[in-house]
Amino acid sequence: MWAMRRSALVAVVLSVVLSACGPGRGITGNDTGGIIPYSPAIEGSYRELAADYCARWGRLSHVTSVHREYGDYVSFVCIDNPRMTH
């Protein structure tokens, strides 16, 4: 009986910990690209949000997909800027 309760407790703790990982509020990504949680409020500005994000690394952005539903994302990649010298 104790083993079943312990297993259930471990499962609950793991699910809470794992749900805290991954995409959060705002942009999630790195120097190669990322995702932006979709909202109608960003409809006119998601390209600018991606461009500002990639500019942190001196890179350009390219939006790869837009899923216009709550819970989905706008995804983008950061690409090398040919005008930047390394």
C-alpha atoms as a PDB file:
ATOM      1  CA  MET A   1       0.000   0.000   0.000  1.00  0.00           C
ATOM      2  CA  TRP A   2       2.789   2.435   0.926  1.00  0.00           C
ATOM      3  CA  ALA A   3       4.597   1.696  -2.353  1.00  0.00           C
ATOM      4  CA  MET A   4       1.515   2.658  -4.392  1.00  0.00           C
ATOM      5  CA  ARG A   5       1.121   5.927  -2.480  1.00  0.00           C
ATOM      6  CA  ARG A   6       4.796   6.678  -2.902  1.00  0.00           C
ATOM      7  CA  SER A   7       4.588   5.998  -6.660  1.00  0.00           C
ATOM      8  CA  ALA A   8       1.579   8.288  -6.945  1.00  0.00           C
ATOM      9  CA  LEU A   9       3.376  11.023  -5.013  1.00  0.00           C
ATOM     10  CA  VAL A  10       6.452  10.714  -7.230  1.00  0.00           C
ATOM     11  CA  ALA A  11       4.254  10.940 -10.342  1.00  0.00           C
ATOM     12  CA  VAL A  12       2.566  14.110  -9.066  1.00  0.00           C
ATOM     13  CA  VAL A  13       5.866  15.752  -8.159  1.00  0.00           C
ATOM     14  CA  LEU A  14       7.383  14.888 -11.556  1.00  0.00           C
ATOM     15  CA  SER A  15       4.391  16.248 -13.431  1.00  0.00           C
ATOM     16  CA  VAL A  16       4.604  19.539 -11.525  1.00  0.00           C
ATOM     17  CA  VAL A  17       8.341  19.841 -12.133  1.00  0.00           C
ATOM     18  CA  LEU A  18       8.097  18.958 -15.822  1.00  0.00           C
ATOM     19  CA  SER A  19       5.206  21.343 -16.398  1.00  0.00           C
ATOM     20  CA  ALA A  20       7.408  24.166 -15.129  1.00  0.00           C
ATOM     21  CA  CYS A  21       9.963  23.433 -17.868  1.00  0.00           C
ATOM     22  CA  GLY A  22       9.608  24.521 -21.449  1.00  0.00           C
ATOM     23  CA  PRO A  23       7.886  27.509 -22.984  1.00  0.00           C
ATOM     24  CA  GLY A  24       6.725  30.161 -20.619  1.00  0.00           C
ATOM     25  CA  ARG A  25       5.339  33.623 -20.984  1.00  0.00           C
ATOM     26  CA  GLY A  26       6.974  35.712 -23.659  1.00  0.00           C
ATOM     27  CA  ILE A  27       9.529  34.552 -26.179  1.00  0.00           C
ATOM     28  CA  THR A  28      11.301  31.253 -25.615  1.00  0.00           C
ATOM     29  CA  GLY A  29      14.388  30.484 -27.650  1.00  0.00           C
ATOM     30  CA  ASN A  30      18.087  30.955 -28.201  1.00  0.00           C
ATOM     31  CA  ASP A  31      20.438  32.326 -30.873  1.00  0.00           C
ATOM     32  CA  THR A  32      19.024  29.954 -33.514  1.00  0.00           C
ATOM     33  CA  GLY A  33      15.357  30.944 -33.136  1.00  0.00           C
ATOM     34  CA  GLY A  34      12.365  30.569 -30.907  1.00  0.00           C
ATOM     35  CA  ILE A  35       8.629  30.688 -30.348  1.00  0.00           C
ATOM     36  CA  ILE A  36       6.204  33.396 -29.287  1.00  0.00           C
ATOM     37  CA  PRO A  37       2.890  32.420 -27.660  1.00  0.00           C
ATOM     38  CA  TYR A  38       0.119  33.453 -30.059  1.00  0.00           C
ATOM     39  CA  SER A  39      -2.410  36.070 -29.083  1.00  0.00           C
ATOM     40  CA  PRO A  40      -4.492  38.382 -31.296  1.00  0.00           C
ATOM     41  CA  ALA A  41      -2.705  41.239 -29.488  1.00  0.00           C
ATOM     42  CA  ILE A  42       0.581  40.400 -31.274  1.00  0.00           C
ATOM     43  CA  GLU A  43      -0.978  40.018 -34.725  1.00  0.00           C
ATOM     44  CA  GLY A  44       0.645  43.168 -36.067  1.00  0.00           C
ATOM     45  CA  SER A  45       3.925  42.926 -34.198  1.00  0.00           C
ATOM     46  CA  TYR A  46       5.180  39.329 -34.130  1.00  0.00           C
ATOM     47  CA  ARG A  47       7.687  39.995 -36.930  1.00  0.00           C
ATOM     48  CA  GLU A  48       9.115  42.934 -34.986  1.00  0.00           C
ATOM     49  CA  LEU A  49       9.242  40.848 -31.790  1.00  0.00           C
ATOM     50  CA  ALA A  50      11.219  38.147 -33.605  1.00  0.00           C
ATOM     51  CA  ALA A  51      13.536  40.723 -35.206  1.00  0.00           C
ATOM     52  CA  ASP A  52      14.264  42.358 -31.846  1.00  0.00           C
ATOM     53  CA  TYR A  53      14.929  38.965 -30.279  1.00  0.00           C
ATOM     54  CA  CYS A  54      17.396  37.849 -32.972  1.00  0.00           C
ATOM     55  CA  ALA A  55      19.120  41.258 -32.979  1.00  0.00           C
ATOM     56  CA  ARG A  56      20.529  40.352 -29.549  1.00  0.00           C
ATOM     57  CA  TRP A  57      22.976  38.123 -31.399  1.00  0.00           C
ATOM     58  CA  GLY A  58      23.456  40.386 -34.418  1.00  0.00           C
ATOM     59  CA  ARG A  59      21.242  38.119 -36.493  1.00  0.00           C
ATOM     60  CA  LEU A  60      18.184  38.573 -38.713  1.00  0.00           C
ATOM     61  CA  SER A  61      14.868  36.802 -38.157  1.00  0.00           C
ATOM     62  CA  HIS A  62      12.580  34.794 -40.398  1.00  0.00           C
ATOM     63  CA  VAL A  63       9.077  33.813 -39.234  1.00  0.00           C
ATOM     64  CA  THR A  64       8.512  30.171 -40.161  1.00  0.00           C
ATOM     65  CA  SER A  65       4.936  29.583 -38.994  1.00  0.00           C
ATOM     66  CA  VAL A  66       1.994  31.362 -37.428  1.00  0.00           C
ATOM     67  CA  HIS A  67      -0.718  29.280 -35.761  1.00  0.00           C
ATOM     68  CA  ARG A  68      -3.533  31.695 -35.019  1.00  0.00           C
ATOM     69  CA  GLU A  69      -5.087  29.852 -32.076  1.00  0.00           C
ATOM     70  CA  TYR A  70      -4.688  30.340 -28.352  1.00  0.00           C
ATOM     71  CA  GLY A  71      -2.194  27.824 -27.006  1.00  0.00           C
ATOM     72  CA  ASP A  72      -0.238  27.754 -30.264  1.00  0.00           C
ATOM     73  CA  TYR A  73       2.854  29.671 -31.243  1.00  0.00           C
ATOM     74  CA  VAL A  74       4.505  31.885 -33.808  1.00  0.00           C
ATOM     75  CA  SER A  75       7.842  30.253 -34.590  1.00  0.00           C
ATOM     76  CA  PHE A  76      10.904  31.903 -36.093  1.00  0.00           C
ATOM     77  CA  VAL A  77      14.546  31.254 -36.862  1.00  0.00           C
ATOM     78  CA  CYS A  78      17.511  33.565 -36.429  1.00  0.00           C
ATOM     79  CA  ILE A  79      19.758  33.674 -39.468  1.00  0.00           C
ATOM     80  CA  ASP A  80      23.211  35.139 -40.048  1.00  0.00           C
ATOM     81  CA  ASN A  81      23.272  38.735 -41.183  1.00  0.00           C
ATOM     82  CA  PRO A  82      25.469  38.948 -44.302  1.00  0.00           C
ATOM     83  CA  ARG A  83      26.235  42.593 -43.521  1.00  0.00           C
ATOM     84  CA  MET A  84      27.751  41.752 -40.137  1.00  0.00           C
ATOM     85  CA  THR A  85      31.469  41.028 -40.056  1.00  0.00           C
ATOM     86  CA  HIS A  86      32.713  38.480 -37.562  1.00  0.00           C
END
